[in-house]
């Protein structure tokens, strides 16, 4: 019943704030097929209140970097899928390749 904006503000925003301060962070979407994991993480462009957690987090991180003075940043992101005990890197060159 909540928008992805509400979910981001309540759950992911504090985590991303910690990331901008140098801590590691993980957002783990877990649940049954059809429960809304992909929608929550990816969302839709219109209406903007339904943008996903991933795009909101990237906007948040890059706004923080842009506002920072006299600082250097190294940003690493990964997007992994665990399905039927197989792990795949969704940002890798071959998204079908299984990881050990």
N, C-alpha and C. Protein backbone atom coordinates (compact mmCIF):
# COMPACT_ATOMS: atom_id res chain seq x y z
N UNK A 1 0.80 -1.20 0.00
CA UNK A 1 0.00 0.00 0.00
C UNK A 1 0.85 1.27 0.00
N UNK A 2 2.15 1.15 0.16
CA UNK A 2 3.02 2.32 0.22
C UNK A 2 3.70 2.55 -1.12
N UNK A 3 4.04 3.81 -1.39
CA UNK A 3 4.80 4.14 -2.60
C UNK A 3 6.26 3.78 -2.40
N UNK A 4 6.98 3.64 -3.51
CA UNK A 4 8.42 3.36 -3.38
C UNK A 4 9.13 4.56 -2.75
N UNK A 5 8.57 5.75 -2.93
CA UNK A 5 9.13 6.94 -2.28
C UNK A 5 9.09 6.79 -0.76
N UNK A 6 7.96 6.34 -0.24
CA UNK A 6 7.81 6.13 1.20
C UNK A 6 8.78 5.04 1.68
N UNK A 7 8.85 3.96 0.94
CA UNK A 7 9.74 2.85 1.32
C UNK A 7 11.19 3.32 1.32
N UNK A 8 11.58 4.10 0.30
CA UNK A 8 12.95 4.61 0.24
C UNK A 8 13.24 5.49 1.46
N UNK A 9 12.34 6.43 1.71
CA UNK A 9 12.56 7.38 2.82
C UNK A 9 12.65 6.68 4.17
N UNK A 10 11.85 5.65 4.36
CA UNK A 10 11.83 4.97 5.66
C UNK A 10 12.96 3.96 5.84
N UNK A 11 13.32 3.28 4.76
CA UNK A 11 14.26 2.15 4.89
C UNK A 11 15.63 2.44 4.28
N UNK A 12 15.64 2.87 3.02
CA UNK A 12 16.91 2.98 2.30
C UNK A 12 17.63 4.30 2.56
N UNK A 13 16.91 5.39 2.79
CA UNK A 13 17.55 6.69 2.97
C UNK A 13 18.63 6.66 4.06
N UNK A 14 18.32 6.15 5.27
CA UNK A 14 19.37 6.12 6.31
C UNK A 14 20.58 5.27 5.89
N UNK A 15 20.33 4.19 5.17
CA UNK A 15 21.43 3.34 4.71
C UNK A 15 22.31 4.10 3.72
N UNK A 16 21.70 4.80 2.78
CA UNK A 16 22.47 5.55 1.78
C UNK A 16 23.21 6.71 2.44
N UNK A 17 22.62 7.33 3.44
CA UNK A 17 23.34 8.37 4.19
C UNK A 17 24.61 7.79 4.81
N UNK A 18 24.52 6.59 5.34
CA UNK A 18 25.70 5.92 5.89
C UNK A 18 26.73 5.64 4.83
N UNK A 19 26.28 5.28 3.64
CA UNK A 19 27.21 5.04 2.53
C UNK A 19 27.98 6.30 2.20
N UNK A 20 27.30 7.45 2.21
CA UNK A 20 27.98 8.71 1.89
C UNK A 20 28.99 9.09 2.97
N UNK A 21 28.89 8.45 4.14
CA UNK A 21 29.84 8.70 5.22
C UNK A 21 30.95 7.66 5.27
N UNK A 22 30.95 6.73 4.29
CA UNK A 22 32.05 5.78 4.19
C UNK A 22 31.74 4.36 4.63
N UNK A 23 30.52 4.09 5.04
CA UNK A 23 30.16 2.75 5.46
C UNK A 23 29.68 1.94 4.27
N UNK A 24 29.80 0.62 4.36
CA UNK A 24 29.24 -0.27 3.34
C UNK A 24 27.75 -0.42 3.61
N UNK A 25 27.01 -0.68 2.56
CA UNK A 25 25.57 -0.87 2.72
C UNK A 25 25.04 -1.89 1.75
N UNK A 26 24.00 -2.59 2.15
CA UNK A 26 23.37 -3.60 1.31
C UNK A 26 21.86 -3.46 1.43
N UNK A 27 21.21 -3.50 0.29
CA UNK A 27 19.76 -3.59 0.27
C UNK A 27 19.44 -4.97 -0.30
N UNK A 28 18.78 -5.77 0.48
CA UNK A 28 18.51 -7.15 0.12
C UNK A 28 17.01 -7.31 -0.09
N UNK A 29 16.61 -7.55 -1.33
CA UNK A 29 15.19 -7.75 -1.64
C UNK A 29 14.92 -9.24 -1.66
N UNK A 30 14.03 -9.69 -0.80
CA UNK A 30 13.77 -11.12 -0.65
C UNK A 30 12.26 -11.34 -0.62
N UNK A 31 11.81 -12.39 -1.25
CA UNK A 31 10.40 -12.73 -1.16
C UNK A 31 9.98 -13.68 -2.27
N UNK A 32 8.73 -14.08 -2.20
CA UNK A 32 8.19 -15.01 -3.18
C UNK A 32 8.08 -14.34 -4.55
N UNK A 33 8.02 -15.17 -5.58
CA UNK A 33 7.79 -14.69 -6.94
C UNK A 33 6.49 -13.90 -6.97
N UNK A 34 6.54 -12.72 -7.58
CA UNK A 34 5.35 -11.90 -7.72
C UNK A 34 5.04 -11.02 -6.52
N UNK A 35 5.95 -10.97 -5.55
CA UNK A 35 5.67 -10.19 -4.33
C UNK A 35 6.04 -8.72 -4.46
N UNK A 36 6.69 -8.32 -5.58
CA UNK A 36 6.98 -6.90 -5.80
C UNK A 36 8.43 -6.49 -5.62
N UNK A 37 9.35 -7.44 -5.53
CA UNK A 37 10.76 -7.11 -5.34
C UNK A 37 11.31 -6.27 -6.49
N UNK A 38 11.09 -6.73 -7.71
CA UNK A 38 11.62 -6.01 -8.88
C UNK A 38 11.00 -4.63 -9.00
N UNK A 39 9.71 -4.53 -8.78
CA UNK A 39 9.05 -3.23 -8.86
C UNK A 39 9.60 -2.28 -7.81
N UNK A 40 9.77 -2.76 -6.60
CA UNK A 40 10.28 -1.92 -5.53
C UNK A 40 11.70 -1.45 -5.84
N UNK A 41 12.53 -2.34 -6.37
CA UNK A 41 13.91 -1.97 -6.66
C UNK A 41 14.04 -1.13 -7.92
N UNK A 42 13.28 -1.46 -8.99
CA UNK A 42 13.39 -0.75 -10.26
C UNK A 42 12.36 0.36 -10.40
N UNK A 43 11.14 0.11 -10.01
CA UNK A 43 10.07 1.09 -10.11
C UNK A 43 9.73 1.45 -11.54
N UNK A 44 9.05 2.57 -11.69
CA UNK A 44 8.69 3.11 -13.00
C UNK A 44 9.03 4.60 -13.01
N UNK A 45 9.20 5.15 -14.20
CA UNK A 45 9.58 6.56 -14.33
C UNK A 45 8.43 7.49 -13.97
N UNK A 46 7.23 7.13 -14.41
CA UNK A 46 6.08 8.01 -14.20
C UNK A 46 4.96 7.25 -13.52
N UNK A 47 4.45 7.66 -12.40
CA UNK A 47 4.73 8.90 -11.69
C UNK A 47 6.05 8.80 -10.91
N UNK A 48 6.65 9.95 -10.66
CA UNK A 48 7.96 9.96 -10.01
C UNK A 48 7.92 9.39 -8.60
N UNK A 49 6.74 9.37 -7.98
CA UNK A 49 6.64 8.78 -6.64
C UNK A 49 6.86 7.28 -6.67
N UNK A 50 6.86 6.66 -7.88
CA UNK A 50 7.07 5.23 -8.01
C UNK A 50 8.42 4.87 -8.61
N UNK A 51 9.37 5.84 -8.63
CA UNK A 51 10.74 5.50 -9.02
C UNK A 51 11.25 4.47 -8.02
N UNK A 52 12.09 3.57 -8.47
CA UNK A 52 12.57 2.49 -7.62
C UNK A 52 13.67 2.92 -6.66
N UNK A 53 13.96 2.03 -5.75
CA UNK A 53 14.99 2.28 -4.74
C UNK A 53 16.35 2.46 -5.39
N UNK A 54 16.65 1.70 -6.45
CA UNK A 54 17.96 1.81 -7.09
C UNK A 54 18.18 3.21 -7.66
N UNK A 55 17.24 3.71 -8.44
CA UNK A 55 17.43 5.05 -9.03
C UNK A 55 17.43 6.13 -7.96
N UNK A 56 16.63 5.98 -6.93
CA UNK A 56 16.63 6.96 -5.83
C UNK A 56 17.98 6.96 -5.10
N UNK A 57 18.53 5.76 -4.88
CA UNK A 57 19.81 5.66 -4.19
C UNK A 57 20.93 6.29 -5.03
N UNK A 58 20.93 6.02 -6.33
CA UNK A 58 21.95 6.63 -7.20
C UNK A 58 21.84 8.15 -7.19
N UNK A 59 20.63 8.67 -7.30
CA UNK A 59 20.44 10.13 -7.26
C UNK A 59 20.96 10.69 -5.94
N UNK A 60 20.63 10.04 -4.85
CA UNK A 60 21.05 10.47 -3.52
C UNK A 60 22.58 10.49 -3.40
N UNK A 61 23.21 9.40 -3.85
CA UNK A 61 24.66 9.30 -3.76
C UNK A 61 25.34 10.38 -4.60
N UNK A 62 24.91 10.54 -5.85
CA UNK A 62 25.56 11.51 -6.72
C UNK A 62 25.29 12.95 -6.30
N UNK A 63 24.14 13.23 -5.72
CA UNK A 63 23.89 14.57 -5.17
C UNK A 63 24.83 14.84 -4.00
N UNK A 64 25.04 13.83 -3.15
CA UNK A 64 25.95 13.99 -2.01
C UNK A 64 27.39 14.22 -2.48
N UNK A 65 27.81 13.50 -3.52
CA UNK A 65 29.15 13.67 -4.06
C UNK A 65 29.30 15.08 -4.66
N UNK A 66 28.29 15.52 -5.37
CA UNK A 66 28.33 16.83 -6.00
C UNK A 66 28.44 17.96 -4.96
N UNK A 67 27.80 17.77 -3.82
CA UNK A 67 27.81 18.81 -2.78
C UNK A 67 29.06 18.78 -1.91
N UNK A 68 29.80 17.67 -1.94
CA UNK A 68 30.98 17.53 -1.08
C UNK A 68 32.13 18.38 -1.61
N UNK A 69 32.86 18.98 -0.68
CA UNK A 69 34.02 19.79 -1.04
C UNK A 69 35.28 19.12 -0.49
N UNK A 70 36.36 19.23 -1.25
CA UNK A 70 37.66 18.71 -0.83
C UNK A 70 37.60 17.24 -0.44
N UNK A 71 36.93 16.45 -1.24
CA UNK A 71 36.82 15.02 -0.95
C UNK A 71 36.92 14.24 -2.25
N UNK A 72 37.45 13.03 -2.14
CA UNK A 72 37.49 12.11 -3.26
C UNK A 72 36.59 10.93 -2.94
N UNK A 73 35.97 10.38 -3.95
CA UNK A 73 35.06 9.28 -3.76
C UNK A 73 35.42 8.13 -4.68
N UNK A 74 35.26 6.92 -4.18
CA UNK A 74 35.34 5.71 -4.98
C UNK A 74 34.01 5.01 -4.77
N UNK A 75 33.29 4.85 -5.84
CA UNK A 75 31.96 4.26 -5.75
C UNK A 75 31.96 2.92 -6.47
N UNK A 76 31.57 1.88 -5.77
CA UNK A 76 31.44 0.55 -6.36
C UNK A 76 30.03 0.07 -6.07
N UNK A 77 29.42 -0.50 -7.09
CA UNK A 77 28.07 -1.04 -6.92
C UNK A 77 28.01 -2.41 -7.55
N UNK A 78 27.20 -3.27 -6.96
CA UNK A 78 26.96 -4.58 -7.56
C UNK A 78 25.48 -4.87 -7.44
N UNK A 79 25.02 -5.67 -8.36
CA UNK A 79 23.63 -6.10 -8.35
C UNK A 79 23.65 -7.59 -8.63
N UNK A 80 23.40 -8.37 -7.59
CA UNK A 80 23.46 -9.82 -7.69
C UNK A 80 22.07 -10.42 -7.61
N UNK A 81 21.88 -11.49 -8.34
CA UNK A 81 20.64 -12.25 -8.25
C UNK A 81 20.96 -13.63 -7.72
N UNK A 82 20.24 -14.05 -6.71
CA UNK A 82 20.35 -15.40 -6.18
C UNK A 82 19.03 -16.09 -6.50
N UNK A 83 19.09 -17.11 -7.34
CA UNK A 83 17.88 -17.81 -7.76
C UNK A 83 18.19 -19.29 -7.88
N UNK A 84 17.43 -20.11 -7.20
CA UNK A 84 17.66 -21.56 -7.19
C UNK A 84 19.11 -21.89 -6.83
N UNK A 85 19.64 -21.20 -5.85
CA UNK A 85 20.98 -21.40 -5.33
C UNK A 85 22.08 -21.06 -6.33
N UNK A 86 21.74 -20.37 -7.41
CA UNK A 86 22.72 -19.87 -8.37
C UNK A 86 22.85 -18.36 -8.20
N UNK A 87 24.07 -17.87 -8.27
CA UNK A 87 24.33 -16.43 -8.13
C UNK A 87 24.79 -15.88 -9.46
N UNK A 88 24.18 -14.77 -9.90
CA UNK A 88 24.57 -14.12 -11.15
C UNK A 88 24.79 -12.64 -10.90
N UNK A 89 25.79 -12.09 -11.57
CA UNK A 89 26.09 -10.67 -11.49
C UNK A 89 25.29 -9.96 -12.58
N UNK A 90 24.28 -9.20 -12.20
CA UNK A 90 23.40 -8.56 -13.17
C UNK A 90 24.04 -7.33 -13.82
N UNK A 91 25.18 -6.89 -13.32
CA UNK A 91 25.90 -5.77 -13.94
C UNK A 91 27.12 -6.24 -14.71
N UNK A 92 27.38 -7.53 -14.74
CA UNK A 92 28.53 -8.09 -15.42
C UNK A 92 28.34 -8.15 -16.94
N UNK A 93 29.42 -8.46 -17.63
CA UNK A 93 29.36 -8.54 -19.10
C UNK A 93 28.44 -9.66 -19.56
N UNK A 94 28.45 -10.79 -18.84
CA UNK A 94 27.59 -11.92 -19.19
C UNK A 94 26.67 -12.21 -18.01
N UNK A 95 25.44 -11.72 -18.08
CA UNK A 95 24.52 -11.88 -16.96
C UNK A 95 24.01 -13.30 -16.80
N UNK A 96 24.27 -14.15 -17.78
CA UNK A 96 23.86 -15.56 -17.69
C UNK A 96 24.90 -16.41 -16.97
N UNK A 97 26.13 -15.90 -16.84
CA UNK A 97 27.21 -16.66 -16.21
C UNK A 97 26.98 -16.74 -14.71
N UNK A 98 27.11 -17.95 -14.17
CA UNK A 98 26.94 -18.16 -12.75
C UNK A 98 28.26 -17.89 -12.02
N UNK A 99 28.16 -17.32 -10.82
CA UNK A 99 29.33 -17.06 -9.99
C UNK A 99 29.49 -18.20 -9.01
N UNK A 100 30.71 -18.37 -8.54
CA UNK A 100 30.96 -19.41 -7.52
C UNK A 100 30.53 -18.90 -6.16
